[in-house]
Amino acid sequence: GDGFTPVTTLALGAADEAEMMKHDAGSVTDISGNTFAAI
């Protein structure tokens, strides 16, 4: 909404996309199940 208010409730499993692109890969690797925690 404003581009500066910190978000602390992001969850990878609920995100629209959570991906990793490896070097020279033709497709992405899903990381939505990885451990992810607010600091």
PDB file of all heavy atoms in Angstrom:
ATOM      1  N   GLY A   1       0.782  -1.227   0.000  1.00  0.00           N
ATOM      2  CA  GLY A   1       0.000   0.000   0.000  1.00  0.00           C
ATOM      3  C   GLY A   1       0.814   1.279   0.000  1.00  0.00           C
ATOM      4  O   GLY A   1       0.503   2.225  -0.700  1.00  0.00           O
ATOM      5  N   ASP A   2       1.893   1.309   0.816  1.00  0.00           N
ATOM      6  CA  ASP A   2       2.674   2.544   0.906  1.00  0.00           C
ATOM      7  C   ASP A   2       4.151   2.378   0.566  1.00  0.00           C
ATOM      8  O   ASP A   2       4.873   3.354   0.432  1.00  0.00           O
ATOM      9  CB  ASP A   2       2.517   3.184   2.285  1.00  0.00           C
ATOM     10  CG  ASP A   2       3.000   2.295   3.420  1.00  0.00           C
ATOM     11  OD1 ASP A   2       3.765   1.346   3.174  1.00  0.00           O
ATOM     12  OD2 ASP A   2       2.594   2.552   4.562  1.00  0.00           O
ATOM     13  N   GLY A   3       4.632   1.141   0.471  1.00  0.00           N
ATOM     14  CA  GLY A   3       6.009   0.898   0.047  1.00  0.00           C
ATOM     15  C   GLY A   3       7.068   1.131   1.105  1.00  0.00           C
ATOM     16  O   GLY A   3       8.256   1.074   0.791  1.00  0.00           O
ATOM     17  N   PHE A   4       6.661   1.394   2.363  1.00  0.00           N
ATOM     18  CA  PHE A   4       7.682   1.579   3.392  1.00  0.00           C
ATOM     19  C   PHE A   4       7.329   0.962   4.749  1.00  0.00           C
ATOM     20  O   PHE A   4       8.211   0.760   5.566  1.00  0.00           O
ATOM     21  CB  PHE A   4       8.028   3.064   3.580  1.00  0.00           C
ATOM     22  CG  PHE A   4       6.892   3.909   4.082  1.00  0.00           C
ATOM     23  CD1 PHE A   4       6.605   4.005   5.428  1.00  0.00           C
ATOM     24  CD2 PHE A   4       6.109   4.622   3.190  1.00  0.00           C
ATOM     25  CE1 PHE A   4       5.560   4.793   5.880  1.00  0.00           C
ATOM     26  CE2 PHE A   4       5.068   5.420   3.626  1.00  0.00           C
ATOM     27  CZ  PHE A   4       4.793   5.510   4.985  1.00  0.00           C
ATOM     28  N   THR A   5       6.079   0.657   5.021  1.00  0.00           N
ATOM     29  CA  THR A   5       5.703   0.050   6.297  1.00  0.00           C
ATOM     30  C   THR A   5       6.187  -1.404   6.334  1.00  0.00           C
ATOM     31  O   THR A   5       5.856  -2.186   5.441  1.00  0.00           O
ATOM     32  CB  THR A   5       4.174   0.081   6.496  1.00  0.00           C
ATOM     33  OG1 THR A   5       3.732   1.441   6.447  1.00  0.00           O
ATOM     34  CG2 THR A   5       3.787  -0.543   7.825  1.00  0.00           C
ATOM     35  N   PRO A   6       6.986  -1.783   7.346  1.00  0.00           N
ATOM     36  CA  PRO A   6       7.495  -3.147   7.424  1.00  0.00           C
ATOM     37  C   PRO A   6       6.368  -4.166   7.575  1.00  0.00           C
ATOM     38  O   PRO A   6       5.401  -3.940   8.295  1.00  0.00           O
ATOM     39  CB  PRO A   6       8.364  -3.144   8.677  1.00  0.00           C
ATOM     40  CG  PRO A   6       8.672  -1.718   8.939  1.00  0.00           C
ATOM     41  CD  PRO A   6       7.497  -0.939   8.436  1.00  0.00           C
ATOM     42  N   VAL A   7       6.515  -5.290   6.901  1.00  0.00           N
ATOM     43  CA  VAL A   7       5.576  -6.407   6.996  1.00  0.00           C
ATOM     44  C   VAL A   7       6.243  -7.501   7.826  1.00  0.00           C
ATOM     45  O   VAL A   7       7.354  -7.922   7.507  1.00  0.00           O
ATOM     46  CB  VAL A   7       5.207  -6.941   5.589  1.00  0.00           C
ATOM     47  CG1 VAL A   7       4.383  -8.219   5.691  1.00  0.00           C
ATOM     48  CG2 VAL A   7       4.471  -5.884   4.792  1.00  0.00           C
ATOM     49  N   THR A   8       5.562  -7.946   8.857  1.00  0.00           N
ATOM     50  CA  THR A   8       6.115  -8.987   9.734  1.00  0.00           C
ATOM     51  C   THR A   8       5.306 -10.274   9.679  1.00  0.00           C
ATOM     52  O   THR A   8       5.622 -11.223  10.387  1.00  0.00           O
ATOM     53  CB  THR A   8       6.179  -8.490  11.191  1.00  0.00           C
ATOM     54  OG1 THR A   8       4.862  -8.147  11.610  1.00  0.00           O
ATOM     55  CG2 THR A   8       7.095  -7.285  11.328  1.00  0.00           C
ATOM     56  N   THR A   9       4.274 -10.306   8.836  1.00  0.00           N
ATOM     57  CA  THR A   9       3.354 -11.450   8.809  1.00  0.00           C
ATOM     58  C   THR A   9       3.452 -12.282   7.535  1.00  0.00           C
ATOM     59  O   THR A   9       2.610 -13.132   7.298  1.00  0.00           O
ATOM     60  CB  THR A   9       1.909 -10.951   8.956  1.00  0.00           C
ATOM     61  OG1 THR A   9       1.631 -10.022   7.892  1.00  0.00           O
ATOM     62  CG2 THR A   9       1.705 -10.282  10.298  1.00  0.00           C
ATOM     63  N   LEU A  10       4.467 -12.058   6.736  1.00  0.00           N
ATOM     64  CA  LEU A  10       4.610 -12.812   5.493  1.00  0.00           C
ATOM     65  C   LEU A  10       4.854 -14.290   5.798  1.00  0.00           C
ATOM     66  O   LEU A  10       5.665 -14.632   6.656  1.00  0.00           O
ATOM     67  CB  LEU A  10       5.776 -12.247   4.674  1.00  0.00           C
ATOM     68  CG  LEU A  10       6.081 -12.927   3.348  1.00  0.00           C
ATOM     69  CD1 LEU A  10       4.902 -12.818   2.382  1.00  0.00           C
ATOM     70  CD2 LEU A  10       7.328 -12.317   2.718  1.00  0.00           C
ATOM     71  N   ALA A  11       4.136 -15.156   5.102  1.00  0.00           N
ATOM     72  CA  ALA A  11       4.317 -16.603   5.236  1.00  0.00           C
ATOM     73  C   ALA A  11       4.589 -17.178   3.849  1.00  0.00           C
ATOM     74  O   ALA A  11       3.822 -16.932   2.917  1.00  0.00           O
ATOM     75  CB  ALA A  11       3.078 -17.240   5.845  1.00  0.00           C
ATOM     76  N   LEU A  12       5.661 -17.932   3.704  1.00  0.00           N
ATOM     77  CA  LEU A  12       6.011 -18.483   2.380  1.00  0.00           C
ATOM     78  C   LEU A  12       4.907 -19.356   1.825  1.00  0.00           C
ATOM     79  O   LEU A  12       4.603 -19.293   0.635  1.00  0.00           O
ATOM     80  CB  LEU A  12       7.306 -19.292   2.456  1.00  0.00           C
ATOM     81  CG  LEU A  12       8.612 -18.532   2.569  1.00  0.00           C
ATOM     82  CD1 LEU A  12       9.785 -19.502   2.489  1.00  0.00           C
ATOM     83  CD2 LEU A  12       8.743 -17.468   1.518  1.00  0.00           C
ATOM     84  N   GLY A  13       4.317 -20.182   2.667  1.00  0.00           N
ATOM     85  CA  GLY A  13       3.276 -21.100   2.214  1.00  0.00           C
ATOM     86  C   GLY A  13       2.037 -20.393   1.692  1.00  0.00           C
ATOM     87  O   GLY A  13       1.304 -20.940   0.870  1.00  0.00           O
ATOM     88  N   ALA A  14       1.788 -19.176   2.158  1.00  0.00           N
ATOM     89  CA  ALA A  14       0.612 -18.421   1.738  1.00  0.00           C
ATOM     90  C   ALA A  14       0.920 -17.403   0.647  1.00  0.00           C
ATOM     91  O   ALA A  14       0.008 -16.796   0.089  1.00  0.00           O
ATOM     92  CB  ALA A  14       0.006 -17.702   2.947  1.00  0.00           C
ATOM     93  N   ALA A  15       2.180 -17.206   0.335  1.00  0.00           N
ATOM     94  CA  ALA A  15       2.580 -16.219  -0.674  1.00  0.00           C
ATOM     95  C   ALA A  15       2.163 -16.676  -2.066  1.00  0.00           C
ATOM     96  O   ALA A  15       2.030 -17.884  -2.335  1.00  0.00           O
ATOM     97  CB  ALA A  15       4.085 -15.999  -0.621  1.00  0.00           C
ATOM     98  N   ASP A  16       1.946 -15.711  -2.961  1.00  0.00           N
ATOM     99  CA  ASP A  16       1.605 -16.043  -4.343  1.00  0.00           C
ATOM    100  C   ASP A  16       2.744 -16.796  -5.029  1.00  0.00           C
ATOM    101  O   ASP A  16       2.505 -17.697  -5.826  1.00  0.00           O
ATOM    102  CB  ASP A  16       1.291 -14.757  -5.136  1.00  0.00           C
ATOM    103  CG  ASP A  16       0.086 -14.022  -4.570  1.00  0.00           C
ATOM    104  OD1 ASP A  16      -0.833 -14.687  -4.063  1.00  0.00           O
ATOM    105  OD2 ASP A  16       0.070 -12.781  -4.639  1.00  0.00           O
ATOM    106  N   GLU A  17       3.974 -16.402  -4.732  1.00  0.00           N
ATOM    107  CA  GLU A  17       5.151 -17.071  -5.287  1.00  0.00           C
ATOM    108  C   GLU A  17       6.253 -17.099  -4.237  1.00  0.00           C
ATOM    109  O   GLU A  17       6.502 -16.102  -3.574  1.00  0.00           O
ATOM    110  CB  GLU A  17       5.684 -16.318  -6.511  1.00  0.00           C
ATOM    111  CG  GLU A  17       4.726 -16.255  -7.669  1.00  0.00           C
ATOM    112  CD  GLU A  17       5.243 -15.336  -8.768  1.00  0.00           C
ATOM    113  OE1 GLU A  17       6.464 -15.124  -8.866  1.00  0.00           O
ATOM    114  OE2 GLU A  17       4.409 -14.817  -9.519  1.00  0.00           O
ATOM    115  N   ALA A  18       6.906 -18.226  -4.108  1.00  0.00           N
ATOM    116  CA  ALA A  18       8.091 -18.381  -3.267  1.00  0.00           C
ATOM    117  C   ALA A  18       8.983 -19.355  -4.020  1.00  0.00           C
ATOM    118  O   ALA A  18       8.772 -20.569  -3.987  1.00  0.00           O
ATOM    119  CB  ALA A  18       7.730 -18.899  -1.880  1.00  0.00           C
ATOM    120  N   GLU A  19       9.962 -18.792  -4.744  1.00  0.00           N
ATOM    121  CA  GLU A  19      10.726 -19.603  -5.692  1.00  0.00           C
ATOM    122  C   GLU A  19      12.207 -19.247  -5.672  1.00  0.00           C
ATOM    123  O   GLU A  19      12.592 -18.163  -5.256  1.00  0.00           O
ATOM    124  CB  GLU A  19      10.195 -19.370  -7.104  1.00  0.00           C
ATOM    125  CG  GLU A  19       8.729 -19.659  -7.240  1.00  0.00           C
ATOM    126  CD  GLU A  19       8.097 -19.058  -8.488  1.00  0.00           C
ATOM    127  OE1 GLU A  19       8.610 -18.032  -8.996  1.00  0.00           O
ATOM    128  OE2 GLU A  19       7.109 -19.634  -8.945  1.00  0.00           O
ATOM    129  N   MET A  20      12.974 -20.179  -6.186  1.00  0.00           N
ATOM    130  CA  MET A  20      14.401 -19.975  -6.360  1.00  0.00           C
ATOM    131  C   MET A  20      14.769 -20.407  -7.771  1.00  0.00           C
ATOM    132  O   MET A  20      14.344 -21.474  -8.225  1.00  0.00           O
ATOM    133  CB  MET A  20      15.178 -20.806  -5.333  1.00  0.00           C
ATOM    134  CG  MET A  20      16.677 -20.693  -5.474  1.00  0.00           C
ATOM    135  SD  MET A  20      17.576 -21.571  -4.168  1.00  0.00           S
ATOM    136  CE  MET A  20      17.272 -23.263  -4.610  1.00  0.00           C
ATOM    137  N   MET A  21      15.532 -19.574  -8.458  1.00  0.00           N
ATOM    138  CA  MET A  21      16.026 -19.918  -9.797  1.00  0.00           C
ATOM    139  C   MET A  21      17.509 -20.214  -9.672  1.00  0.00           C
ATOM    140  O   MET A  21      18.300 -19.350  -9.287  1.00  0.00           O
ATOM    141  CB  MET A  21      15.796 -18.763 -10.765  1.00  0.00           C
ATOM    142  CG  MET A  21      16.375 -19.006 -12.150  1.00  0.00           C
ATOM    143  SD  MET A  21      15.600 -20.344 -13.061  1.00  0.00           S
ATOM    144  CE  MET A  21      14.252 -19.484 -13.801  1.00  0.00           C
ATOM    145  N   LYS A  22      17.885 -21.459  -9.984  1.00  0.00           N
ATOM    146  CA  LYS A  22      19.289 -21.853  -9.926  1.00  0.00           C
ATOM    147  C   LYS A  22      19.987 -21.446 -11.217  1.00  0.00           C
ATOM    148  O   LYS A  22      19.351 -21.240 -12.249  1.00  0.00           O
ATOM    149  CB  LYS A  22      19.414 -23.368  -9.753  1.00  0.00           C
ATOM    150  CG  LYS A  22      18.899 -23.871  -8.438  1.00  0.00           C
ATOM    151  CD  LYS A  22      19.091 -25.374  -8.343  1.00  0.00           C
ATOM    152  CE  LYS A  22      18.526 -25.932  -7.063  1.00  0.00           C
ATOM    153  NZ  LYS A  22      18.750 -27.374  -6.955  1.00  0.00           N
ATOM    154  N   HIS A  23      21.300 -21.368 -11.150  1.00  0.00           N
ATOM    155  CA  HIS A  23      22.122 -20.998 -12.298  1.00  0.00           C
ATOM    156  C   HIS A  23      21.826 -21.893 -13.499  1.00  0.00           C
ATOM    157  O   HIS A  23      21.819 -23.115 -13.387  1.00  0.00           O
ATOM    158  CB  HIS A  23      23.609 -21.110 -11.934  1.00  0.00           C
ATOM    159  CG  HIS A  23      24.524 -20.869 -13.083  1.00  0.00           C
ATOM    160  ND1 HIS A  23      24.734 -19.616 -13.589  1.00  0.00           N
ATOM    161  CD2 HIS A  23      25.256 -21.721 -13.830  1.00  0.00           C
ATOM    162  CE1 HIS A  23      25.566 -19.694 -14.613  1.00  0.00           C
ATOM    163  NE2 HIS A  23      25.901 -20.971 -14.770  1.00  0.00           N
ATOM    164  N   ASP A  24      21.532 -21.268 -14.612  1.00  0.00           N
ATOM    165  CA  ASP A  24      21.342 -21.943 -15.895  1.00  0.00           C
ATOM    166  C   ASP A  24      20.193 -22.967 -15.880  1.00  0.00           C
ATOM    167  O   ASP A  24      20.196 -23.917 -16.647  1.00  0.00           O
ATOM    168  CB  ASP A  24      22.651 -22.618 -16.326  1.00  0.00           C
ATOM    169  CG  ASP A  24      22.723 -22.808 -17.836  1.00  0.00           C
ATOM    170  OD1 ASP A  24      22.047 -22.062 -18.572  1.00  0.00           O
ATOM    171  OD2 ASP A  24      23.448 -23.732 -18.280  1.00  0.00           O
ATOM    172  N   ALA A  25      19.220 -22.759 -14.992  1.00  0.00           N
ATOM    173  CA  ALA A  25      18.083 -23.685 -14.901  1.00  0.00           C
ATOM    174  C   ALA A  25      16.967 -23.228 -15.834  1.00  0.00           C
ATOM    175  O   ALA A  25      16.800 -22.038 -16.088  1.00  0.00           O
ATOM    176  CB  ALA A  25      17.568 -23.757 -13.475  1.00  0.00           C
ATOM    177  N   GLY A  26      16.193 -24.163 -16.310  1.00  0.00           N
ATOM    178  CA  GLY A  26      15.068 -23.856 -17.176  1.00  0.00           C
ATOM    179  C   GLY A  26      13.761 -23.694 -16.424  1.00  0.00           C
ATOM    180  O   GLY A  26      12.752 -23.309 -17.004  1.00  0.00           O
ATOM    181  N   SER A  27      13.787 -24.002 -15.135  1.00  0.00           N
ATOM    182  CA  SER A  27      12.573 -23.874 -14.322  1.00  0.00           C
ATOM    183  C   SER A  27      12.960 -23.455 -12.905  1.00  0.00           C
ATOM    184  O   SER A  27      14.126 -23.481 -12.535  1.00  0.00           O
ATOM    185  CB  SER A  27      11.810 -25.202 -14.295  1.00  0.00           C
ATOM    186  OG  SER A  27      12.613 -26.208 -13.713  1.00  0.00           O
ATOM    187  N   VAL A  28      11.960 -23.085 -12.128  1.00  0.00           N
ATOM    188  CA  VAL A  28      12.211 -22.625 -10.761  1.00  0.00           C
ATOM    189  C   VAL A  28      12.075 -23.772  -9.763  1.00  0.00           C
ATOM    190  O   VAL A  28      11.454 -24.792 -10.049  1.00  0.00           O
ATOM    191  CB  VAL A  28      11.243 -21.482 -10.373  1.00  0.00           C
ATOM    192  CG1 VAL A  28      11.473 -20.260 -11.233  1.00  0.00           C
ATOM    193  CG2 VAL A  28       9.803 -21.932 -10.440  1.00  0.00           C
ATOM    194  N   THR A  29      12.666 -23.572  -8.592  1.00  0.00           N
ATOM    195  CA  THR A  29      12.557 -24.510  -7.477  1.00  0.00           C
ATOM    196  C   THR A  29      11.630 -23.893  -6.444  1.00  0.00           C
ATOM    197  O   THR A  29      11.853 -22.758  -6.011  1.00  0.00           O
ATOM    198  CB  THR A  29      13.937 -24.768  -6.843  1.00  0.00           C
ATOM    199  OG1 THR A  29      14.812 -25.303  -7.833  1.00  0.00           O
ATOM    200  CG2 THR A  29      13.842 -25.716  -5.667  1.00  0.00           C
ATOM    201  N   ASP A  30      10.606 -24.614  -6.051  1.00  0.00           N
ATOM    202  CA  ASP A  30       9.650 -24.131  -5.053  1.00  0.00           C
ATOM    203  C   ASP A  30      10.314 -24.123  -3.675  1.00  0.00           C
ATOM    204  O   ASP A  30      10.908 -25.116  -3.264  1.00  0.00           O
ATOM    205  CB  ASP A  30       8.425 -25.037  -5.037  1.00  0.00           C
ATOM    206  CG  ASP A  30       7.395 -24.632  -4.005  1.00  0.00           C
ATOM    207  OD1 ASP A  30       7.230 -23.415  -3.777  1.00  0.00           O
ATOM    208  OD2 ASP A  30       6.748 -25.524  -3.424  1.00  0.00           O
ATOM    209  N   ILE A  31      10.218 -22.988  -2.964  1.00  0.00           N
ATOM    210  CA  ILE A  31      10.772 -22.896  -1.612  1.00  0.00           C
ATOM    211  C   ILE A  31       9.681 -22.585  -0.595  1.00  0.00           C
ATOM    212  O   ILE A  31       9.977 -22.208   0.535  1.00  0.00           O
ATOM    213  CB  ILE A  31      11.900 -21.844  -1.523  1.00  0.00           C
ATOM    214  CG1 ILE A  31      11.394 -20.452  -1.903  1.00  0.00           C
ATOM    215  CG2 ILE A  31      13.104 -22.256  -2.351  1.00  0.00           C
ATOM    216  CD1 ILE A  31      12.364 -19.332  -1.573  1.00  0.00           C
ATOM    217  N   SER A  32       8.412 -22.753  -0.978  1.00  0.00           N
ATOM    218  CA  SER A  32       7.311 -22.389  -0.089  1.00  0.00           C
ATOM    219  C   SER A  32       7.263 -23.230   1.184  1.00  0.00           C
ATOM    220  O   SER A  32       6.664 -22.819   2.176  1.00  0.00           O
ATOM    221  CB  SER A  32       5.971 -22.481  -0.823  1.00  0.00           C
ATOM    222  OG  SER A  32       5.706 -23.813  -1.227  1.00  0.00           O
ATOM    223  N   GLY A  33       7.909 -24.386   1.205  1.00  0.00           N
ATOM    224  CA  GLY A  33       7.926 -25.235   2.390  1.00  0.00           C
ATOM    225  C   GLY A  33       9.155 -25.043   3.263  1.00  0.00           C
ATOM    226  O   GLY A  33       9.285 -25.684   4.307  1.00  0.00           O
ATOM    227  N   ASN A  34      10.051 -24.148   2.864  1.00  0.00           N
ATOM    228  CA  ASN A  34      11.277 -23.915   3.637  1.00  0.00           C
ATOM    229  C   ASN A  34      10.975 -23.232   4.967  1.00  0.00           C
ATOM    230  O   ASN A  34       9.956 -22.563   5.115  1.00  0.00           O
ATOM    231  CB  ASN A  34      12.251 -23.038   2.841  1.00  0.00           C
ATOM    232  CG  ASN A  34      12.926 -23.780   1.714  1.00  0.00           C
ATOM    233  OD1 ASN A  34      12.304 -24.566   1.023  1.00  0.00           O
ATOM    234  ND2 ASN A  34      14.190 -23.504   1.500  1.00  0.00           N
ATOM    235  N   THR A  35      11.883 -23.378   5.922  1.00  0.00           N
ATOM    236  CA  THR A  35      11.771 -22.676   7.191  1.00  0.00           C
ATOM    237  C   THR A  35      11.961 -21.186   6.938  1.00  0.00           C
ATOM    238  O   THR A  35      12.918 -20.769   6.293  1.00  0.00           O
ATOM    239  CB  THR A  35      12.829 -23.179   8.192  1.00  0.00           C
ATOM    240  OG1 THR A  35      12.659 -24.587   8.365  1.00  0.00           O
ATOM    241  CG2 THR A  35      12.705 -22.477   9.529  1.00  0.00           C
ATOM    242  N   PHE A  36      11.020 -20.383   7.449  1.00  0.00           N
ATOM    243  CA  PHE A  36      10.980 -18.943   7.190  1.00  0.00           C
ATOM    244  C   PHE A  36      10.426 -18.269   8.429  1.00  0.00           C
ATOM    245  O   PHE A  36       9.317 -18.590   8.857  1.00  0.00           O
ATOM    246  CB  PHE A  36      10.075 -18.691   5.976  1.00  0.00           C
ATOM    247  CG  PHE A  36      10.056 -17.288   5.460  1.00  0.00           C
ATOM    248  CD1 PHE A  36      11.163 -16.749   4.826  1.00  0.00           C
ATOM    249  CD2 PHE A  36       8.921 -16.512   5.582  1.00  0.00           C
ATOM    250  CE1 PHE A  36      11.138 -15.459   4.310  1.00  0.00           C
ATOM    251  CE2 PHE A  36       8.880 -15.221   5.073  1.00  0.00           C
ATOM    252  CZ  PHE A  36       9.989 -14.700   4.433  1.00  0.00           C
ATOM    253  N   ALA A  37      11.196 -17.380   9.050  1.00  0.00           N
ATOM    254  CA  ALA A  37      10.748 -16.770  10.307  1.00  0.00           C
ATOM    255  C   ALA A  37      11.156 -15.312  10.381  1.00  0.00           C
ATOM    256  O   ALA A  37      12.271 -14.951   9.995  1.00  0.00           O
ATOM    257  CB  ALA A  37      11.348 -17.522  11.485  1.00  0.00           C
ATOM    258  N   ALA A  38      10.244 -14.488  10.876  1.00  0.00           N
ATOM    259  CA  ALA A  38      10.535 -13.081  11.082  1.00  0.00           C
ATOM    260  C   ALA A  38      11.650 -12.941  12.116  1.00  0.00           C
ATOM    261  O   ALA A  38      11.712 -13.702  13.082  1.00  0.00           O
ATOM    262  CB  ALA A  38       9.288 -12.341  11.549  1.00  0.00           C
ATOM    263  N   ILE A  39      12.523 -11.969  11.911  1.00  0.00           N
ATOM    264  CA  ILE A  39      13.618 -11.723  12.846  1.00  0.00           C
ATOM    265  C   ILE A  39      13.122 -10.749  13.917  1.00  0.00           C
ATOM    266  O   ILE A  39      12.663  -9.652  13.606  1.00  0.00           O
ATOM    267  CB  ILE A  39      14.851 -11.151  12.125  1.00  0.00           C
ATOM    268  CG1 ILE A  39      15.340 -12.148  11.060  1.00  0.00           C
ATOM    269  CG2 ILE A  39      15.962 -10.825  13.121  1.00  0.00           C
ATOM    270  CD1 ILE A  39      16.445 -11.617  10.173  1.00  0.00           C
TER     271      ILE A  39
END
